[in-house]
């Protein structure tokens, strides 16, 4: 295990412990984006300031890294997330969406931790479901916006998530090449699962 992976895992764990109110933050200070530029900034920022969403995108990139069709899997995840946003904007109701978000983060982290090898088809289905759930949750921040800022939001969201997932994929491949037992990626997976657990506890016990 190298120092880089240990530091990354430690950072994820610290973020999970300290993540109390970060999940409710909004890029625009709680108001809906009103311009195309604000929409882009909101789309770029939400998957980053929302630690649970960020962790999910990182996990998707890491899990996709072991597949020959890794880039296609990342694209499928991003498309599914945009579809999830659209579902929210069209009035679909998903009870307990934030709890589902937390559960998906735990599941992704657990898969990294245990290194369960999935077929490309299984990975595609999983990433599509995760994308829909996270997209639905993210859609709340742009609900009610005019078309112009909405398009900006979707563009920013697609760009930042693609960039994060592809970067995570590249780093995961590099770490896998350096460590035969894949322990660095297991550590990262443990940190991601910890983030999901922290979010779940916050949702189930709001005062926690």
Protein backbone atom coordinates (compact mmCIF):
# COMPACT_ATOMS: atom_id res chain seq x y z
CA UNK A 1 0.00 0.00 0.00
CA UNK A 2 1.47 3.38 -0.92
CA UNK A 3 1.24 6.62 0.99
CA UNK A 4 -0.99 8.25 -1.61
CA UNK A 5 -3.76 5.71 -1.21
CA UNK A 6 -3.48 5.78 2.59
CA UNK A 7 -3.82 9.56 2.61
CA UNK A 8 -6.81 9.36 0.26
CA UNK A 9 -8.58 6.83 2.47
CA UNK A 10 -7.83 8.87 5.59
CA UNK A 11 -9.19 12.00 3.94
CA UNK A 12 -12.40 10.22 2.96
CA UNK A 13 -12.84 8.93 6.51
CA UNK A 14 -12.33 12.38 8.00
CA UNK A 15 -14.86 13.84 5.58
CA UNK A 16 -17.36 11.16 6.54
CA UNK A 17 -16.99 11.94 10.24
CA UNK A 18 -17.18 15.69 9.77
CA UNK A 19 -20.06 15.61 7.27
CA UNK A 20 -22.92 16.99 9.28
CA UNK A 21 -24.49 19.89 7.42
CA UNK A 22 -22.54 19.73 4.17
CA UNK A 23 -25.18 17.60 2.51
CA UNK A 24 -27.73 20.42 2.64
CA UNK A 25 -25.50 23.13 1.13
CA UNK A 26 -26.41 24.80 -2.13
CA UNK A 27 -24.11 26.53 -4.58
CA UNK A 28 -26.48 29.46 -5.05
CA UNK A 29 -27.03 30.00 -1.33
CA UNK A 30 -30.31 28.10 -1.37
CA UNK A 31 -31.94 30.02 -4.23
CA UNK A 32 -32.72 28.66 -7.67
CA UNK A 33 -30.31 29.55 -10.48
CA UNK A 34 -31.69 32.37 -12.64
CA UNK A 35 -29.23 32.58 -15.54
CA UNK A 36 -27.37 30.17 -17.81
CA UNK A 37 -24.10 30.98 -16.02
CA UNK A 38 -25.62 30.38 -12.60
CA UNK A 39 -27.07 27.13 -13.89
CA UNK A 40 -23.64 25.92 -15.01
CA UNK A 41 -22.07 26.90 -11.67
CA UNK A 42 -24.83 25.12 -9.80
CA UNK A 43 -24.42 21.99 -11.92
CA UNK A 44 -20.65 22.04 -11.50
CA UNK A 45 -20.85 22.54 -7.75
CA UNK A 46 -23.54 20.21 -6.48
CA UNK A 47 -21.76 16.88 -6.97
CA UNK A 48 -18.72 18.38 -5.21
CA UNK A 49 -20.26 20.07 -2.18
CA UNK A 50 -22.58 17.10 -1.75
CA UNK A 51 -20.11 14.60 -0.32
CA UNK A 52 -22.43 11.65 -0.84
CA UNK A 53 -22.80 12.43 -4.54
CA UNK A 54 -19.07 13.02 -4.92
CA UNK A 55 -18.29 9.68 -3.28
CA UNK A 56 -20.71 7.88 -5.59
CA UNK A 57 -19.13 9.36 -8.72
CA UNK A 58 -15.64 8.41 -7.49
CA UNK A 59 -16.82 4.86 -6.75
CA UNK A 60 -18.40 4.54 -10.20
CA UNK A 61 -15.11 5.55 -11.82
CA UNK A 62 -13.13 3.11 -9.69
CA UNK A 63 -15.51 0.20 -10.31
CA UNK A 64 -15.68 0.93 -14.04
CA UNK A 65 -11.88 0.87 -14.27
CA UNK A 66 -11.71 -2.94 -14.36
CA UNK A 67 -13.95 -3.20 -17.44
CA UNK A 68 -12.85 -2.84 -21.06
CA UNK A 69 -15.94 -0.68 -21.65
CA UNK A 70 -15.09 1.60 -18.73
CA UNK A 71 -15.72 4.87 -20.55
CA UNK A 72 -19.06 3.65 -21.86
CA UNK A 73 -20.08 2.67 -18.32
CA UNK A 74 -19.19 6.14 -17.04
CA UNK A 75 -21.19 7.73 -19.85
CA UNK A 76 -24.17 5.48 -19.02
CA UNK A 77 -24.00 6.59 -15.39
CA UNK A 78 -23.94 10.27 -16.34
CA UNK A 79 -26.82 9.85 -18.79
CA UNK A 80 -28.84 8.00 -16.14
CA UNK A 81 -28.21 10.80 -13.66
CA UNK A 82 -29.46 13.39 -16.13
CA UNK A 83 -32.53 11.19 -16.65
CA UNK A 84 -33.00 11.15 -12.87
CA UNK A 85 -32.98 14.94 -12.81
CA UNK A 86 -35.58 14.93 -15.58
CA UNK A 87 -37.79 12.54 -13.60
CA UNK A 88 -37.75 14.92 -10.65
CA UNK A 89 -38.51 17.92 -12.83
CA UNK A 90 -41.47 16.10 -14.37
CA UNK A 91 -43.02 15.52 -10.96
CA UNK A 92 -42.08 11.91 -10.24
CA UNK A 93 -42.23 11.05 -6.54
CA UNK A 94 -39.53 8.84 -5.02
CA UNK A 95 -40.12 8.35 -1.26
CA UNK A 96 -36.99 8.43 0.89
CA UNK A 97 -34.75 9.57 -1.95
CA UNK A 98 -31.95 10.75 0.34
CA UNK A 99 -31.96 7.44 2.19
CA UNK A 100 -31.71 5.65 -1.16
CA UNK A 101 -28.77 7.90 -2.04
CA UNK A 102 -26.99 6.88 1.16
CA UNK A 103 -27.69 3.20 0.54
CA UNK A 104 -26.25 3.40 -2.98
CA UNK A 105 -23.05 4.98 -1.65
CA UNK A 106 -22.71 2.21 0.95
CA UNK A 107 -23.29 -0.43 -1.74
CA UNK A 108 -20.71 1.07 -4.10
CA UNK A 109 -18.16 1.35 -1.31
CA UNK A 110 -18.82 -2.25 -0.25
CA UNK A 111 -18.27 -3.47 -3.80
CA UNK A 112 -14.92 -1.70 -3.88
CA UNK A 113 -14.02 -3.05 -0.45
CA UNK A 114 -14.84 -6.66 -1.30
CA UNK A 115 -13.71 -6.38 -4.93
CA UNK A 116 -16.73 -8.25 -6.22
CA UNK A 117 -16.14 -8.62 -9.95
CA UNK A 118 -19.25 -7.72 -11.93
CA UNK A 119 -19.99 -8.40 -15.55
CA UNK A 120 -20.24 -5.36 -17.80
CA UNK A 121 -24.00 -5.88 -18.00
CA UNK A 122 -24.39 -5.99 -14.21
CA UNK A 123 -22.23 -2.89 -13.85
CA UNK A 124 -24.36 -1.10 -16.44
CA UNK A 125 -27.59 -1.90 -14.58
CA UNK A 126 -26.07 -0.88 -11.24
CA UNK A 127 -24.66 2.40 -12.55
CA UNK A 128 -27.95 3.23 -14.25
CA UNK A 129 -29.90 2.69 -11.02
CA UNK A 130 -27.39 4.68 -8.97
CA UNK A 131 -27.44 7.44 -11.57
CA UNK A 132 -31.23 7.66 -11.53
CA UNK A 133 -31.36 7.85 -7.72
CA UNK A 134 -28.65 10.50 -7.43
CA UNK A 135 -30.02 12.46 -10.37
CA UNK A 136 -33.45 12.52 -8.79
CA UNK A 137 -31.99 13.87 -5.55
CA UNK A 138 -29.93 16.49 -7.36
CA UNK A 139 -32.98 17.60 -9.31
CA UNK A 140 -34.37 19.21 -6.17
CA UNK A 141 -31.81 22.00 -6.40
CA UNK A 142 -32.96 23.12 -9.85
CA UNK A 143 -36.68 22.38 -9.51
CA UNK A 144 -38.77 25.29 -10.73
CA UNK A 145 -35.97 26.92 -12.73
CA UNK A 146 -36.55 28.48 -16.13
CA UNK A 147 -35.31 26.52 -19.19
CA UNK A 148 -32.14 28.60 -19.71
CA UNK A 149 -30.57 28.04 -16.25
CA UNK A 150 -31.86 24.46 -16.33
CA UNK A 151 -29.91 23.72 -19.50
CA UNK A 152 -26.85 25.28 -17.92
CA UNK A 153 -27.30 23.14 -14.83
CA UNK A 154 -27.56 19.92 -16.84
CA UNK A 155 -24.48 20.85 -18.86
CA UNK A 156 -22.44 21.65 -15.76
CA UNK A 157 -23.65 18.49 -14.02
CA UNK A 158 -22.72 16.26 -16.96
CA UNK A 159 -19.29 17.86 -17.38
CA UNK A 160 -18.19 17.70 -13.73
CA UNK A 161 -19.42 14.17 -13.16
CA UNK A 162 -17.76 12.90 -16.32
CA UNK A 163 -14.50 14.57 -15.30
CA UNK A 164 -14.57 13.17 -11.74
CA UNK A 165 -15.51 9.65 -12.80
CA UNK A 166 -12.92 9.49 -15.59
CA UNK A 167 -10.21 10.86 -13.28
CA UNK A 168 -11.14 8.28 -10.62
CA UNK A 169 -11.03 5.57 -13.28
CA UNK A 170 -7.53 6.57 -14.33
CA UNK A 171 -6.26 6.75 -10.74
CA UNK A 172 -7.86 3.38 -9.91
CA UNK A 173 -6.10 1.74 -12.84
CA UNK A 174 -2.81 3.27 -11.75
CA UNK A 175 -3.25 2.05 -8.17
CA UNK A 176 -4.24 -1.43 -9.37
CA UNK A 177 -1.06 -1.66 -11.44
CA UNK A 178 1.09 -0.77 -8.43
CA UNK A 179 -0.58 -3.06 -5.90
CA UNK A 180 -1.28 -6.69 -6.75
CA UNK A 181 -3.62 -7.20 -3.78
CA UNK A 182 -5.67 -4.08 -4.62
CA UNK A 183 -5.52 -2.95 -0.98
CA UNK A 184 -5.38 0.77 -1.89
CA UNK A 185 -8.73 0.54 -3.68
CA UNK A 186 -10.19 -1.43 -0.79
CA UNK A 187 -9.20 1.37 1.55
CA UNK A 188 -10.85 3.94 -0.70
CA UNK A 189 -13.94 1.72 -0.82
CA UNK A 190 -14.03 1.60 2.97
CA UNK A 191 -13.90 5.39 3.10
CA UNK A 192 -16.73 5.68 0.57
CA UNK A 193 -18.87 3.18 2.47
CA UNK A 194 -18.17 5.22 5.61
CA UNK A 195 -19.46 8.35 3.90
CA UNK A 196 -22.64 6.52 2.91
CA UNK A 197 -23.11 5.29 6.46
CA UNK A 198 -22.63 8.80 7.86
CA UNK A 199 -25.27 10.17 5.47
CA UNK A 200 -27.65 7.31 6.31
CA UNK A 201 -27.32 7.96 10.03
CA UNK A 202 -27.98 11.65 9.43
CA UNK A 203 -31.13 10.86 7.46
CA UNK A 204 -32.49 8.26 9.90
CA UNK A 205 -31.49 10.20 13.03
CA UNK A 206 -31.61 13.90 12.00
CA UNK A 207 -30.10 15.04 15.27
CA UNK A 208 -27.05 12.77 14.84
